C-alpha atoms as a PDB file:
ATOM      1  CA  MET A   1       3.020   1.247  -4.339  1.00  0.00           C
ATOM      2  CA  SER A   2       0.597  -0.758  -4.558  1.00  0.00           C
ATOM      3  CA  TYR A   3      -3.221  -1.115  -5.084  1.00  0.00           C
ATOM      4  CA  GLN A   4      -3.223  -3.986  -3.540  1.00  0.00           C
ATOM      5  CA  SER A   5      -3.353  -1.973   0.002  1.00  0.00           C
ATOM      6  CA  ALA A   6      -5.979   0.516  -1.052  1.00  0.00           C
ATOM      7  CA  LEU A   7      -8.278  -3.002  -2.661  1.00  0.00           C
ATOM      8  CA  GLN A   8      -7.236  -4.626   0.287  1.00  0.00           C
ATOM      9  CA  THR A   9      -8.887  -1.860   2.812  1.00  0.00           C
ATOM     10  CA  LEU A  10     -11.860  -1.665   0.531  1.00  0.00           C
ATOM     11  CA  GLN A  11     -12.976  -4.729   1.170  1.00  0.00           C
ATOM     12  CA  TRP A  12     -11.913  -4.669   5.111  1.00  0.00           C
ATOM     13  CA  SER A  13     -13.447  -2.020   5.551  1.00  0.00           C
ATOM     14  CA  THR A  14     -17.180  -2.517   3.234  1.00  0.00           C
ATOM     15  CA  HIS A  15     -19.021  -5.152   5.320  1.00  0.00           C
ATOM     16  CA  LEU A  16     -21.589  -7.503   3.531  1.00  0.00           C
ATOM     17  CA  ASP A  17     -25.411  -8.368   4.647  1.00  0.00           C
ATOM     18  CA  LEU A  18     -26.067 -11.860   3.135  1.00  0.00           C
ATOM     19  CA  GLU A  19     -28.794 -14.367   3.344  1.00  0.00           C
ATOM     20  CA  ASN A  20     -31.601 -12.055   4.629  1.00  0.00           C
ATOM     21  CA  GLY A  21     -29.073 -10.284   7.321  1.00  0.00           C
ATOM     22  CA  VAL A  22     -28.049 -13.549   9.470  1.00  0.00           C
ATOM     23  CA  ILE A  23     -24.135 -12.963   8.346  1.00  0.00           C
ATOM     24  CA  TYR A  24     -23.181  -9.694   8.600  1.00  0.00           C
ATOM     25  CA  GLU A  25     -19.352  -9.431   7.585  1.00  0.00           C
ATOM     26  CA  ASP A  26     -16.486  -7.754   5.883  1.00  0.00           C
ATOM     27  CA  CYS A  27     -15.185  -8.405   2.342  1.00  0.00           C
ATOM     28  CA  LEU A  28     -12.219  -9.907   2.646  1.00  0.00           C
ATOM     29  CA  ASN A  29     -13.329 -13.029   1.831  1.00  0.00           C
ATOM     30  CA  PHE A  30     -14.346 -13.021  -1.247  1.00  0.00           C
ATOM     31  CA  GLU A  31     -12.234 -12.622  -4.342  1.00  0.00           C
ATOM     32  CA  PRO A  32     -12.361  -9.438  -5.650  1.00  0.00           C
ATOM     33  CA  SER A  33     -12.926  -9.567  -9.516  1.00  0.00           C
ATOM     34  CA  GLN A  34     -10.726  -8.615 -12.750  1.00  0.00           C
ATOM     35  CA  GLU A  35     -12.603  -6.106 -13.014  1.00  0.00           C
ATOM     36  CA  LEU A  36     -12.874  -4.466  -9.750  1.00  0.00           C
ATOM     37  CA  LYS A  37      -8.998  -4.836  -9.824  1.00  0.00           C
ATOM     38  CA  ASP A  38      -8.466  -3.152 -12.723  1.00  0.00           C
ATOM     39  CA  ARG A  39     -10.453  -0.231 -11.321  1.00  0.00           C
ATOM     40  CA  ILE A  40      -8.716  -0.174  -8.137  1.00  0.00           C
ATOM     41  CA  LYS A  41      -5.394   0.165  -9.377  1.00  0.00           C
ATOM     42  CA  LYS A  42      -6.801   2.637 -12.382  1.00  0.00           C
ATOM     43  CA  ASP A  43      -7.418   5.157  -9.186  1.00  0.00           C
ATOM     44  CA  TRP A  44      -4.529   4.158  -7.144  1.00  0.00           C
ATOM     45  CA  ASP A  45      -2.194   5.029 -10.033  1.00  0.00           C
ATOM     46  CA  SER A  46      -4.134   7.961 -11.256  1.00  0.00           C
ATOM     47  CA  PHE A  47      -4.436   9.291  -7.499  1.00  0.00           C
ATOM     48  CA  ILE A  48      -0.607   8.806  -6.948  1.00  0.00           C
ATOM     49  CA  ASP A  49       0.288  10.820  -9.924  1.00  0.00           C
ATOM     50  CA  GLN A  50      -2.198  13.819  -8.878  1.00  0.00           C
ATOM     51  CA  ALA A  51      -0.617  13.475  -5.175  1.00  0.00           C
ATOM     52  CA  LEU A  52       3.358  13.820  -6.613  1.00  0.00           C
ATOM     53  CA  GLU A  53       2.171  16.431  -8.785  1.00  0.00           C
ATOM     54  CA  MET A  54       1.363  18.508  -6.051  1.00  0.00           C
ATOM     55  CA  GLY A  55       4.026  17.803  -3.942  1.00  0.00           C
ATOM     56  CA  PHE A  56       3.003  14.514  -2.375  1.00  0.00           C
ATOM     57  CA  ASP A  57       5.770  13.377   0.380  1.00  0.00           C
ATOM     58  CA  PRO A  58       4.085  10.394   1.885  1.00  0.00           C
ATOM     59  CA  GLY A  59       7.800   9.936   4.128  1.00  0.00           C
ATOM     60  CA  ASN A  60       7.576  13.605   4.675  1.00  0.00           C
ATOM     61  CA  ASP A  61       4.733  14.065   4.883  1.00  0.00           C
ATOM     62  CA  ARG A  62       2.828  11.905   7.347  1.00  0.00           C
ATOM     63  CA  ILE A  63       3.546  12.901  11.627  1.00  0.00           C
ATOM     64  CA  GLY A  64       1.224  10.730  12.914  1.00  0.00           C
ATOM     65  CA  ALA A  65       2.719   7.371  14.618  1.00  0.00           C
ATOM     66  CA  TYR A  66       3.218   3.714  13.105  1.00  0.00           C
ATOM     67  CA  ASN A  67       5.013   1.060  12.970  1.00  0.00           C
ATOM     68  CA  SER A  68       7.546   0.632   9.635  1.00  0.00           C
ATOM     69  CA  TYR A  69       7.869  -3.007  10.337  1.00  0.00           C
ATOM     70  CA  GLU A  70       5.237  -3.343  10.182  1.00  0.00           C
ATOM     71  CA  TYR A  71       3.557  -1.386   7.709  1.00  0.00           C
ATOM     72  CA  ASP A  72       4.722   0.728   4.419  1.00  0.00           C
ATOM     73  CA  VAL A  73       4.005   4.371   4.128  1.00  0.00           C
ATOM     74  CA  TRP A  74       2.736   4.049   0.888  1.00  0.00           C
ATOM     75  CA  GLU A  75       0.361   1.305   2.412  1.00  0.00           C
ATOM     76  CA  LEU A  76      -1.328   3.818   5.005  1.00  0.00           C
ATOM     77  CA  ALA A  77      -1.559   6.511   2.235  1.00  0.00           C
ATOM     78  CA  ALA A  78      -3.805   3.250   0.093  1.00  0.00           C
ATOM     79  CA  HIS A  79      -5.658   2.516   3.453  1.00  0.00           C
ATOM     80  CA  ASP A  80      -6.348   6.108   3.461  1.00  0.00           C
ATOM     81  CA  PHE A  81      -6.853   7.563   0.278  1.00  0.00           C
ATOM     82  CA  ILE A  82     -10.234   4.593   0.525  1.00  0.00           C
ATOM     83  CA  LEU A  83     -11.015   5.804   3.948  1.00  0.00           C
ATOM     84  CA  THR A  84     -11.403   9.222   2.710  1.00  0.00           C
ATOM     85  CA  ARG A  85     -12.497   8.729  -1.076  1.00  0.00           C
ATOM     86  CA  ASN A  86     -15.698   6.536   0.800  1.00  0.00           C
ATOM     87  CA  ASN A  87     -15.853   9.125   3.864  1.00  0.00           C
ATOM     88  CA  HIS A  88     -15.119   6.995   6.369  1.00  0.00           C
ATOM     89  CA  GLY A  89     -14.482   8.067  10.725  1.00  0.00           C
ATOM     90  CA  ALA A  90     -10.968   8.721   9.087  1.00  0.00           C
ATOM     91  CA  GLY A  91      -8.539   9.096   6.397  1.00  0.00           C
ATOM     92  CA  PHE A  92      -6.109  11.448   5.669  1.00  0.00           C
ATOM     93  CA  TRP A  93      -7.574  14.750   7.347  1.00  0.00           C
ATOM     94  CA  ASP A  94      -7.686  13.124  10.245  1.00  0.00           C
ATOM     95  CA  GLY A  95      -4.719  14.444  12.556  1.00  0.00           C
ATOM     96  CA  ASP A  96      -1.841  12.104  10.547  1.00  0.00           C
ATOM     97  CA  TRP A  97      -0.749  13.244   8.288  1.00  0.00           C
ATOM     98  CA  SER A  98       0.584  17.485   7.438  1.00  0.00           C
ATOM     99  CA  GLU A  99      -1.130  20.109   6.561  1.00  0.00           C
ATOM    100  CA  PRO A 100      -1.352  22.074   3.921  1.00  0.00           C
ATOM    101  CA  ILE A 101      -1.264  18.454   2.246  1.00  0.00           C
ATOM    102  CA  ALA A 102      -3.641  16.278   3.952  1.00  0.00           C
ATOM    103  CA  THR A 103      -6.615  19.021   2.724  1.00  0.00           C
ATOM    104  CA  LYS A 104      -5.696  18.854  -0.053  1.00  0.00           C
ATOM    105  CA  LEU A 105      -5.245  14.409  -0.422  1.00  0.00           C
ATOM    106  CA  THR A 106      -8.874  14.817   0.760  1.00  0.00           C
ATOM    107  CA  GLU A 107      -9.705  17.488  -1.417  1.00  0.00           C
ATOM    108  CA  LEU A 108      -8.226  14.442  -4.473  1.00  0.00           C
ATOM    109  CA  CYS A 109      -9.990  12.137  -2.508  1.00  0.00           C
ATOM    110  CA  GLU A 110     -13.485  13.606  -2.396  1.00  0.00           C
ATOM    111  CA  LYS A 111     -12.615  13.540  -7.296  1.00  0.00           C
ATOM    112  CA  PHE A 112     -12.768  10.430  -7.257  1.00  0.00           C
ATOM    113  CA  GLY A 113     -16.489   8.921  -5.662  1.00  0.00           C
ATOM    114  CA  GLU A 114     -17.148   6.632  -3.425  1.00  0.00           C
ATOM    115  CA  ILE A 115     -16.651   3.441  -4.912  1.00  0.00           C
ATOM    116  CA  THR A 116     -19.165   0.583  -3.980  1.00  0.00           C
ATOM    117  CA  ILE A 117     -18.962  -3.300  -3.973  1.00  0.00           C
ATOM    118  CA  TYR A 118     -21.003  -6.114  -4.031  1.00  0.00           C
ATOM    119  CA  LEU A 119     -21.113  -9.772  -4.017  1.00  0.00           C
ATOM    120  CA  SER A 120     -22.220 -11.161  -7.999  1.00  0.00           C
ATOM    121  CA  ASP A 121     -24.061 -14.319  -8.324  1.00  0.00           C
ATOM    122  CA  ASP A 122     -21.163 -16.206  -9.149  1.00  0.00           C
ATOM    123  CA  GLY A 123     -19.129 -14.672  -5.507  1.00  0.00           C
ATOM    124  CA  LEU A 124     -16.848 -12.358  -6.665  1.00  0.00           C
ATOM    125  CA  LEU A 125     -16.728  -8.415  -5.290  1.00  0.00           C
ATOM    126  CA  GLU A 126     -17.931  -6.878  -8.291  1.00  0.00           C
ATOM    127  CA  VAL A 127     -17.871  -2.875  -8.478  1.00  0.00           C
ATOM    128  CA  TYR A 128     -21.359  -1.352  -9.348  1.00  0.00           C
END
């Protein structure tokens, strides 16, 4: 249940407009600050604790197909945690998770609010 999948999804799904619009890219090529890592870990750990309390079992609740040799089901949950909380076009609600847990997880994610990152003057990804 690593927070690193959540962090990677945040970096992948966030795009930066660098050099006055000349470069537009995701954030995978930039190093996250320790503050950002700590924030994602804290949020992910809190999400997992609350999700497990409501009966979340990703091994049973995942109904969408996935390649188990390529992805761990917890990595998929971390991916959907970020996409859902940041209001992307996919997440727990999009049909890959069983109901009613998908709706409960979506509501839980929304309580965390969006997380926005930016590139600092030191070249590190920081959280607003």
